[in-house]
Amino acid sequence: PDVVLLVGGTDGGDADTLTHNATRLARARWRVPVVLAGN
């Protein structure tokens, strides 16, 4: 991908999956641009 759209959870709802996936990308030294549009 050229861009990753990272979403998950309604506002005030579940945040665990979104947090896990963001953390996974951070630890993987991900360098493709990410748009964060979740909870």
ModelCIF file with pLDDT and N, C-alpha, C, O atoms, coordinates in Angstrom:
data_MODEL
#
_entry.id   MODEL 
#
_entity.id                         1 
_entity.type                       polymer 
_entity.pdbx_number_of_molecules   1 
#
_entity_poly.entity_id                      1 
_entity_poly.type                           'polypeptide(L)' 
_entity_poly.nstd_linkage                   no 
_entity_poly.nstd_monomer                   no 
_entity_poly.pdbx_seq_one_letter_code       PDVVLLVGGTDGGDADTLTHNATRLARARWRVPVVLAGN 
_entity_poly.pdbx_seq_one_letter_code_can   PDVVLLVGGTDGGDADTLTHNATRLARARWRVPVVLAGN 
_entity_poly.pdbx_strand_id                 A 
#
loop_
_entity_poly_seq.entity_id 
_entity_poly_seq.num 
_entity_poly_seq.mon_id 
_entity_poly_seq.hetero 
1 1  PRO n 
1 2  ASP n 
1 3  VAL n 
1 4  VAL n 
1 5  LEU n 
1 6  LEU n 
1 7  VAL n 
1 8  GLY n 
1 9  GLY n 
1 10 THR n 
1 11 ASP n 
1 12 GLY n 
1 13 GLY n 
1 14 ASP n 
1 15 ALA n 
1 16 ASP n 
1 17 THR n 
1 18 LEU n 
1 19 THR n 
1 20 HIS n 
1 21 ASN n 
1 22 ALA n 
1 23 THR n 
1 24 ARG n 
1 25 LEU n 
1 26 ALA n 
1 27 ARG n 
1 28 ALA n 
1 29 ARG n 
1 30 TRP n 
1 31 ARG n 
1 32 VAL n 
1 33 PRO n 
1 34 VAL n 
1 35 VAL n 
1 36 LEU n 
1 37 ALA n 
1 38 GLY n 
1 39 ASN n 
#
_struct_asym.id          A 
_struct_asym.entity_id   1 
#
loop_
_ma_qa_metric.id 
_ma_qa_metric.mode 
_ma_qa_metric.name 
_ma_qa_metric.software_group_id 
_ma_qa_metric.type 
1 global pLDDT . pLDDT 
2 local  pLDDT . pLDDT 
#
_ma_qa_metric_global.metric_id      1 
_ma_qa_metric_global.metric_value   94.00 
_ma_qa_metric_global.model_id       1 
_ma_qa_metric_global.ordinal_id     1 
#
loop_
_ma_qa_metric_local.label_asym_id 
_ma_qa_metric_local.label_comp_id 
_ma_qa_metric_local.label_seq_id 
_ma_qa_metric_local.metric_id 
_ma_qa_metric_local.metric_value 
_ma_qa_metric_local.model_id 
_ma_qa_metric_local.ordinal_id 
A PRO 1  2 94.00 1 1  
A ASP 2  2 91.00 1 2  
A VAL 3  2 94.00 1 3  
A VAL 4  2 96.00 1 4  
A LEU 5  2 96.00 1 5  
A LEU 6  2 96.00 1 6  
A VAL 7  2 94.00 1 7  
A GLY 8  2 90.00 1 8  
A GLY 9  2 88.00 1 9  
A THR 10 2 89.00 1 10 
A ASP 11 2 91.00 1 11 
A GLY 12 2 89.00 1 12 
A GLY 13 2 88.00 1 13 
A ASP 14 2 85.00 1 14 
A ALA 15 2 92.00 1 15 
A ASP 16 2 94.00 1 16 
A THR 17 2 94.00 1 17 
A LEU 18 2 95.00 1 18 
A THR 19 2 96.00 1 19 
A HIS 20 2 97.00 1 20 
A ASN 21 2 96.00 1 21 
A ALA 22 2 97.00 1 22 
A THR 23 2 97.00 1 23 
A ARG 24 2 97.00 1 24 
A LEU 25 2 97.00 1 25 
A ALA 26 2 96.00 1 26 
A ARG 27 2 96.00 1 27 
A ALA 28 2 95.00 1 28 
A ARG 29 2 92.00 1 29 
A TRP 30 2 96.00 1 30 
A ARG 31 2 94.00 1 31 
A VAL 32 2 95.00 1 32 
A PRO 33 2 95.00 1 33 
A VAL 34 2 97.00 1 34 
A VAL 35 2 97.00 1 35 
A LEU 36 2 97.00 1 36 
A ALA 37 2 95.00 1 37 
A GLY 38 2 94.00 1 38 
A ASN 39 2 94.00 1 39 
#
loop_
_atom_site.group_PDB 
_atom_site.id 
_atom_site.type_symbol 
_atom_site.label_atom_id 
_atom_site.label_alt_id 
_atom_site.label_comp_id 
_atom_site.label_asym_id 
_atom_site.label_entity_id 
_atom_site.label_seq_id 
_atom_site.pdbx_PDB_ins_code 
_atom_site.Cartn_x 
_atom_site.Cartn_y 
_atom_site.Cartn_z 
_atom_site.occupancy 
_atom_site.B_iso_or_equiv 
_atom_site.pdbx_formal_charge 
_atom_site.auth_seq_id 
_atom_site.auth_comp_id 
_atom_site.auth_asym_id 
_atom_site.auth_atom_id 
_atom_site.pdbx_PDB_model_num 
ATOM 1   N N  . PRO A 1 1  ? 0.824   -1.212 0.000  1.00 94.00 ? 1  PRO A N  1 
ATOM 2   C CA . PRO A 1 1  ? 0.000   0.000  0.000  1.00 94.00 ? 1  PRO A CA 1 
ATOM 3   C C  . PRO A 1 1  ? 0.858   1.262  0.000  1.00 94.00 ? 1  PRO A C  1 
ATOM 4   O O  . PRO A 1 1  ? 1.995   1.257  0.471  1.00 94.00 ? 1  PRO A O  1 
ATOM 5   N N  . ASP A 1 2  ? 0.295   2.337  -0.534 1.00 91.00 ? 2  ASP A N  1 
ATOM 6   C CA . ASP A 1 2  ? 0.928   3.653  -0.438 1.00 91.00 ? 2  ASP A CA 1 
ATOM 7   C C  . ASP A 1 2  ? 0.548   4.341  0.870  1.00 91.00 ? 2  ASP A C  1 
ATOM 8   O O  . ASP A 1 2  ? 1.309   5.148  1.404  1.00 91.00 ? 2  ASP A O  1 
ATOM 9   N N  . VAL A 1 3  ? -0.638  4.010  1.377  1.00 94.00 ? 3  VAL A N  1 
ATOM 10  C CA . VAL A 1 3  ? -1.170  4.612  2.588  1.00 94.00 ? 3  VAL A CA 1 
ATOM 11  C C  . VAL A 1 3  ? -1.945  3.541  3.354  1.00 94.00 ? 3  VAL A C  1 
ATOM 12  O O  . VAL A 1 3  ? -2.573  2.671  2.749  1.00 94.00 ? 3  VAL A O  1 
ATOM 13  N N  . VAL A 1 4  ? -1.899  3.606  4.689  1.00 96.00 ? 4  VAL A N  1 
ATOM 14  C CA . VAL A 1 4  ? -2.712  2.727  5.531  1.00 96.00 ? 4  VAL A CA 1 
ATOM 15  C C  . VAL A 1 4  ? -3.745  3.583  6.259  1.00 96.00 ? 4  VAL A C  1 
ATOM 16  O O  . VAL A 1 4  ? -3.397  4.576  6.897  1.00 96.00 ? 4  VAL A O  1 
ATOM 17  N N  . LEU A 1 5  ? -5.007  3.198  6.162  1.00 96.00 ? 5  LEU A N  1 
ATOM 18  C CA . LEU A 1 5  ? -6.080  3.844  6.921  1.00 96.00 ? 5  LEU A CA 1 
ATOM 19  C C  . LEU A 1 5  ? -6.354  2.975  8.144  1.00 96.00 ? 5  LEU A C  1 
ATOM 20  O O  . LEU A 1 5  ? -6.858  1.859  8.023  1.00 96.00 ? 5  LEU A O  1 
ATOM 21  N N  . LEU A 1 6  ? -6.018  3.494  9.312  1.00 96.00 ? 6  LEU A N  1 
ATOM 22  C CA . LEU A 1 6  ? -6.132  2.740  10.564 1.00 96.00 ? 6  LEU A CA 1 
ATOM 23  C C  . LEU A 1 6  ? -7.371  3.218  11.308 1.00 96.00 ? 6  LEU A C  1 
ATOM 24  O O  . LEU A 1 6  ? -7.426  4.353  11.782 1.00 96.00 ? 6  LEU A O  1 
ATOM 25  N N  . VAL A 1 7  ? -8.366  2.336  11.404 1.00 94.00 ? 7  VAL A N  1 
ATOM 26  C CA . VAL A 1 7  ? -9.638  2.690  12.032 1.00 94.00 ? 7  VAL A CA 1 
ATOM 27  C C  . VAL A 1 7  ? -9.977  1.654  13.095 1.00 94.00 ? 7  VAL A C  1 
ATOM 28  O O  . VAL A 1 7  ? -9.313  0.625  13.218 1.00 94.00 ? 7  VAL A O  1 
ATOM 29  N N  . GLY A 1 8  ? -11.038 1.950  13.869 1.00 90.00 ? 8  GLY A N  1 
ATOM 30  C CA . GLY A 1 8  ? -11.475 0.981  14.853 1.00 90.00 ? 8  GLY A CA 1 
ATOM 31  C C  . GLY A 1 8  ? -12.182 1.618  16.025 1.00 90.00 ? 8  GLY A C  1 
ATOM 32  O O  . GLY A 1 8  ? -11.693 2.575  16.624 1.00 90.00 ? 8  GLY A O  1 
ATOM 33  N N  . GLY A 1 9  ? -13.341 1.073  16.343 1.00 88.00 ? 9  GLY A N  1 
ATOM 34  C CA . GLY A 1 9  ? -14.099 1.521  17.496 1.00 88.00 ? 9  GLY A CA 1 
ATOM 35  C C  . GLY A 1 9  ? -14.881 2.789  17.244 1.00 88.00 ? 9  GLY A C  1 
ATOM 36  O O  . GLY A 1 9  ? -14.397 3.700  16.573 1.00 88.00 ? 9  GLY A O  1 
ATOM 37  N N  . THR A 1 10 ? -16.094 2.854  17.783 1.00 89.00 ? 10 THR A N  1 
ATOM 38  C CA . THR A 1 10 ? -16.841 4.101  17.773 1.00 89.00 ? 10 THR A CA 1 
ATOM 39  C C  . THR A 1 10 ? -16.260 5.016  18.846 1.00 89.00 ? 10 THR A C  1 
ATOM 40  O O  . THR A 1 10 ? -15.527 4.554  19.720 1.00 89.00 ? 10 THR A O  1 
ATOM 41  N N  . ASP A 1 11 ? -16.575 6.294  18.791 1.00 91.00 ? 11 ASP A N  1 
ATOM 42  C CA . ASP A 1 11 ? -16.039 7.231  19.781 1.00 91.00 ? 11 ASP A CA 1 
ATOM 43  C C  . ASP A 1 11 ? -16.518 6.843  21.182 1.00 91.00 ? 11 ASP A C  1 
ATOM 44  O O  . ASP A 1 11 ? -17.719 6.755  21.435 1.00 91.00 ? 11 ASP A O  1 
ATOM 45  N N  . GLY A 1 12 ? -15.563 6.612  22.085 1.00 89.00 ? 12 GLY A N  1 
ATOM 46  C CA . GLY A 1 12 ? -15.886 6.199  23.437 1.00 89.00 ? 12 GLY A CA 1 
ATOM 47  C C  . GLY A 1 12 ? -16.119 4.708  23.577 1.00 89.00 ? 12 GLY A C  1 
ATOM 48  O O  . GLY A 1 12 ? -16.378 4.225  24.680 1.00 89.00 ? 12 GLY A O  1 
ATOM 49  N N  . GLY A 1 13 ? -16.031 3.961  22.466 1.00 88.00 ? 13 GLY A N  1 
ATOM 50  C CA . GLY A 1 13 ? -16.239 2.512  22.510 1.00 88.00 ? 13 GLY A CA 1 
ATOM 51  C C  . GLY A 1 13 ? -14.923 1.767  22.667 1.00 88.00 ? 13 GLY A C  1 
ATOM 52  O O  . GLY A 1 13 ? -14.002 2.240  23.332 1.00 88.00 ? 13 GLY A O  1 
ATOM 53  N N  . ASP A 1 14 ? -14.846 0.585  22.040 1.00 85.00 ? 14 ASP A N  1 
ATOM 54  C CA . ASP A 1 14 ? -13.663 -0.258 22.162 1.00 85.00 ? 14 ASP A CA 1 
ATOM 55  C C  . ASP A 1 14 ? -12.435 0.457  21.594 1.00 85.00 ? 14 ASP A C  1 
ATOM 56  O O  . ASP A 1 14 ? -12.480 1.023  20.501 1.00 85.00 ? 14 ASP A O  1 
ATOM 57  N N  . ALA A 1 15 ? -11.343 0.421  22.351 1.00 92.00 ? 15 ALA A N  1 
ATOM 58  C CA . ALA A 1 15 ? -10.087 1.009  21.883 1.00 92.00 ? 15 ALA A CA 1 
ATOM 59  C C  . ALA A 1 15 ? -8.948  0.002  21.901 1.00 92.00 ? 15 ALA A C  1 
ATOM 60  O O  . ALA A 1 15 ? -7.842  0.311  21.456 1.00 92.00 ? 15 ALA A O  1 
ATOM 61  N N  . ASP A 1 16 ? -9.203  -1.192 22.407 1.00 94.00 ? 16 ASP A N  1 
ATOM 62  C CA . ASP A 1 16 ? -8.127  -2.171 22.574 1.00 94.00 ? 16 ASP A CA 1 
ATOM 63  C C  . ASP A 1 16 ? -7.537  -2.613 21.239 1.00 94.00 ? 16 ASP A C  1 
ATOM 64  O O  . ASP A 1 16 ? -6.317  -2.674 21.084 1.00 94.00 ? 16 ASP A O  1 
ATOM 65  N N  . THR A 1 17 ? -8.410  -2.922 20.270 1.00 94.00 ? 17 THR A N  1 
ATOM 66  C CA . THR A 1 17 ? -7.911  -3.408 18.975 1.00 94.00 ? 17 THR A CA 1 
ATOM 67  C C  . THR A 1 17 ? -7.149  -2.313 18.244 1.00 94.00 ? 17 THR A C  1 
ATOM 68  O O  . THR A 1 17 ? -6.082  -2.565 17.683 1.00 94.00 ? 17 THR A O  1 
ATOM 69  N N  . LEU A 1 18 ? -7.691  -1.101 18.246 1.00 95.00 ? 18 LEU A N  1 
ATOM 70  C CA . LEU A 1 18 ? -7.013  0.027  17.610 1.00 95.00 ? 18 LEU A CA 1 
ATOM 71  C C  . LEU A 1 18 ? -5.647  0.258  18.254 1.00 95.00 ? 18 LEU A C  1 
ATOM 72  O O  . LEU A 1 18 ? -4.660  0.488  17.554 1.00 95.00 ? 18 LEU A O  1 
ATOM 73  N N  . THR A 1 19 ? -5.588  0.198  19.563 1.00 96.00 ? 19 THR A N  1 
ATOM 74  C CA . THR A 1 19 ? -4.325  0.394  20.280 1.00 96.00 ? 19 THR A CA 1 
ATOM 75  C C  . THR A 1 19 ? -3.334  -0.704 19.940 1.00 96.00 ? 19 THR A C  1 
ATOM 76  O O  . THR A 1 19 ? -2.158  -0.433 19.696 1.00 96.00 ? 19 THR A O  1 
ATOM 77  N N  . HIS A 1 20 ? -3.807  -1.948 19.924 1.00 97.00 ? 20 HIS A N  1 
ATOM 78  C CA . HIS A 1 20 ? -2.934  -3.077 19.579 1.00 97.00 ? 20 HIS A CA 1 
ATOM 79  C C  . HIS A 1 20 ? -2.341  -2.899 18.188 1.00 97.00 ? 20 HIS A C  1 
ATOM 80  O O  . HIS A 1 20 ? -1.142  -3.096 17.992 1.00 97.00 ? 20 HIS A O  1 
ATOM 81  N N  . ASN A 1 21 ? -3.187  -2.524 17.210 1.00 96.00 ? 21 ASN A N  1 
ATOM 82  C CA . ASN A 1 21 ? -2.716  -2.428 15.828 1.00 96.00 ? 21 ASN A CA 1 
ATOM 83  C C  . ASN A 1 21 ? -1.749  -1.263 15.634 1.00 96.00 ? 21 ASN A C  1 
ATOM 84  O O  . ASN A 1 21 ? -0.773  -1.385 14.894 1.00 96.00 ? 21 ASN A O  1 
ATOM 85  N N  . ALA A 1 22 ? -2.010  -0.149 16.287 1.00 97.00 ? 22 ALA A N  1 
ATOM 86  C CA . ALA A 1 22 ? -1.078  0.974  16.211 1.00 97.00 ? 22 ALA A CA 1 
ATOM 87  C C  . ALA A 1 22 ? 0.264   0.597  16.831 1.00 97.00 ? 22 ALA A C  1 
ATOM 88  O O  . ALA A 1 22 ? 1.321   0.925  16.294 1.00 97.00 ? 22 ALA A O  1 
ATOM 89  N N  . THR A 1 23 ? 0.209   -0.101 17.975 1.00 97.00 ? 23 THR A N  1 
ATOM 90  C CA . THR A 1 23 ? 1.439   -0.529 18.643 1.00 97.00 ? 23 THR A CA 1 
ATOM 91  C C  . THR A 1 23 ? 2.218   -1.504 17.776 1.00 97.00 ? 23 THR A C  1 
ATOM 92  O O  . THR A 1 23 ? 3.447   -1.454 17.717 1.00 97.00 ? 23 THR A O  1 
ATOM 93  N N  . ARG A 1 24 ? 1.494   -2.393 17.105 1.00 97.00 ? 24 ARG A N  1 
ATOM 94  C CA . ARG A 1 24 ? 2.150   -3.377 16.236 1.00 97.00 ? 24 ARG A CA 1 
ATOM 95  C C  . ARG A 1 24 ? 2.876   -2.681 15.085 1.00 97.00 ? 24 ARG A C  1 
ATOM 96  O O  . ARG A 1 24 ? 4.006   -3.041 14.754 1.00 97.00 ? 24 ARG A O  1 
ATOM 97  N N  . LEU A 1 25 ? 2.236   -1.693 14.481 1.00 97.00 ? 25 LEU A N  1 
ATOM 98  C CA . LEU A 1 25 ? 2.877   -0.950 13.395 1.00 97.00 ? 25 LEU A CA 1 
ATOM 99  C C  . LEU A 1 25 ? 4.105   -0.189 13.905 1.00 97.00 ? 25 LEU A C  1 
ATOM 100 O O  . LEU A 1 25 ? 5.129   -0.126 13.225 1.00 97.00 ? 25 LEU A O  1 
ATOM 101 N N  . ALA A 1 26 ? 3.996   0.382  15.092 1.00 96.00 ? 26 ALA A N  1 
ATOM 102 C CA . ALA A 1 26 ? 5.120   1.124  15.662 1.00 96.00 ? 26 ALA A CA 1 
ATOM 103 C C  . ALA A 1 26 ? 6.310   0.199  15.911 1.00 96.00 ? 26 ALA A C  1 
ATOM 104 O O  . ALA A 1 26 ? 7.446   0.553  15.595 1.00 96.00 ? 26 ALA A O  1 
ATOM 105 N N  . ARG A 1 27 ? 6.061   -0.965 16.468 1.00 96.00 ? 27 ARG A N  1 
ATOM 106 C CA . ARG A 1 27 ? 7.148   -1.909 16.773 1.00 96.00 ? 27 ARG A CA 1 
ATOM 107 C C  . ARG A 1 27 ? 7.737   -2.527 15.508 1.00 96.00 ? 27 ARG A C  1 
ATOM 108 O O  . ARG A 1 27 ? 8.886   -2.966 15.505 1.00 96.00 ? 27 ARG A O  1 
ATOM 109 N N  . ALA A 1 28 ? 6.943   -2.560 14.430 1.00 95.00 ? 28 ALA A N  1 
ATOM 110 C CA . ALA A 1 28 ? 7.410   -3.144 13.171 1.00 95.00 ? 28 ALA A CA 1 
ATOM 111 C C  . ALA A 1 28 ? 8.221   -2.156 12.344 1.00 95.00 ? 28 ALA A C  1 
ATOM 112 O O  . ALA A 1 28 ? 8.649   -2.470 11.234 1.00 95.00 ? 28 ALA A O  1 
ATOM 113 N N  . ARG A 1 29 ? 8.431   -0.949 12.895 1.00 92.00 ? 29 ARG A N  1 
ATOM 114 C CA . ARG A 1 29 ? 9.157   0.103  12.179 1.00 92.00 ? 29 ARG A CA 1 
ATOM 115 C C  . ARG A 1 29 ? 8.498   0.382  10.821 1.00 92.00 ? 29 ARG A C  1 
ATOM 116 O O  . ARG A 1 29 ? 9.158   0.467  9.785  1.00 92.00 ? 29 ARG A O  1 
ATOM 117 N N  . TRP A 1 30 ? 7.210   0.517  10.873 1.00 96.00 ? 30 TRP A N  1 
ATOM 118 C CA . TRP A 1 30 ? 6.425   0.759  9.661  1.00 96.00 ? 30 TRP A CA 1 
ATOM 119 C C  . TRP A 1 30 ? 6.754   2.151  9.114  1.00 96.00 ? 30 TRP A C  1 
ATOM 120 O O  . TRP A 1 30 ? 6.806   3.119  9.873  1.00 96.00 ? 30 TRP A O  1 
ATOM 121 N N  . ARG A 1 31 ? 6.974   2.252  7.814  1.00 94.00 ? 31 ARG A N  1 
ATOM 122 C CA . ARG A 1 31 ? 7.360   3.539  7.250  1.00 94.00 ? 31 ARG A CA 1 
ATOM 123 C C  . ARG A 1 31 ? 6.388   4.052  6.190  1.00 94.00 ? 31 ARG A C  1 
ATOM 124 O O  . ARG A 1 31 ? 6.577   5.149  5.665  1.00 94.00 ? 31 ARG A O  1 
ATOM 125 N N  . VAL A 1 32 ? 5.370   3.289  5.874  1.00 95.00 ? 32 VAL A N  1 
ATOM 126 C CA . VAL A 1 32 ? 4.334   3.750  4.941  1.00 95.00 ? 32 VAL A CA 1 
ATOM 127 C C  . VAL A 1 32 ? 3.405   4.699  5.701  1.00 95.00 ? 32 VAL A C  1 
ATOM 128 O O  . VAL A 1 32 ? 3.042   4.407  6.840  1.00 95.00 ? 32 VAL A O  1 
ATOM 129 N N  . PRO A 1 33 ? 3.012   5.819  5.104  1.00 95.00 ? 33 PRO A N  1 
ATOM 130 C CA . PRO A 1 33 ? 2.155   6.776  5.811  1.00 95.00 ? 33 PRO A CA 1 
ATOM 131 C C  . PRO A 1 33 ? 0.866   6.141  6.322  1.00 95.00 ? 33 PRO A C  1 
ATOM 132 O O  . PRO A 1 33 ? 0.257   5.304  5.655  1.00 95.00 ? 33 PRO A O  1 
ATOM 133 N N  . VAL A 1 34 ? 0.463   6.561  7.529  1.00 97.00 ? 34 VAL A N  1 
ATOM 134 C CA . VAL A 1 34 ? -0.751  6.064  8.181  1.00 97.00 ? 34 VAL A CA 1 
ATOM 135 C C  . VAL A 1 34 ? -1.704  7.233  8.422  1.00 97.00 ? 34 VAL A C  1 
ATOM 136 O O  . VAL A 1 34 ? -1.296  8.292  8.898  1.00 97.00 ? 34 VAL A O  1 
ATOM 137 N N  . VAL A 1 35 ? -2.975  7.029  8.088  1.00 97.00 ? 35 VAL A N  1 
ATOM 138 C CA . VAL A 1 35 ? -4.026  7.966  8.478  1.00 97.00 ? 35 VAL A CA 1 
ATOM 139 C C  . VAL A 1 35 ? -4.789  7.325  9.626  1.00 97.00 ? 35 VAL A C  1 
ATOM 140 O O  . VAL A 1 35 ? -5.403  6.272  9.453  1.00 97.00 ? 35 VAL A O  1 
ATOM 141 N N  . LEU A 1 36 ? -4.756  7.949  10.792 1.00 97.00 ? 36 LEU A N  1 
ATOM 142 C CA . LEU A 1 36 ? -5.378  7.424  12.004 1.00 97.00 ? 36 LEU A CA 1 
ATOM 143 C C  . LEU A 1 36 ? -6.766  8.039  12.142 1.00 97.00 ? 36 LEU A C  1 
ATOM 144 O O  . LEU A 1 36 ? -6.894  9.234  12.408 1.00 97.00 ? 36 LEU A O  1 
ATOM 145 N N  . ALA A 1 37 ? -7.814  7.218  11.961 1.00 95.00 ? 37 ALA A N  1 
ATOM 146 C CA . ALA A 1 37 ? -9.183  7.742  11.948 1.00 95.00 ? 37 ALA A CA 1 
ATOM 147 C C  . ALA A 1 37 ? -10.117 6.824  12.733 1.00 95.00 ? 37 ALA A C  1 
ATOM 148 O O  . ALA A 1 37 ? -11.170 6.417  12.241 1.00 95.00 ? 37 ALA A O  1 
ATOM 149 N N  . GLY A 1 38 ? -9.710  6.509  13.964 1.00 94.00 ? 38 GLY A N  1 
ATOM 150 C CA . GLY A 1 38 ? -10.511 5.628  14.805 1.00 94.00 ? 38 GLY A CA 1 
ATOM 151 C C  . GLY A 1 38 ? -11.034 6.355  16.041 1.00 94.00 ? 38 GLY A C  1 
ATOM 152 O O  . GLY A 1 38 ? -11.174 7.578  16.050 1.00 94.00 ? 38 GLY A O  1 
ATOM 153 N N  . ASN A 1 39 ? -11.317 5.580  17.075 1.00 94.00 ? 39 ASN A N  1 
ATOM 154 C CA . ASN A 1 39 ? -11.886 6.053  18.341 1.00 94.00 ? 39 ASN A CA 1 
ATOM 155 C C  . ASN A 1 39 ? -11.184 7.318  18.838 1.00 94.00 ? 39 ASN A C  1 
ATOM 156 O O  . ASN A 1 39 ? -11.539 7.849  19.891 1.00 94.00 ? 39 ASN A O  1 
#
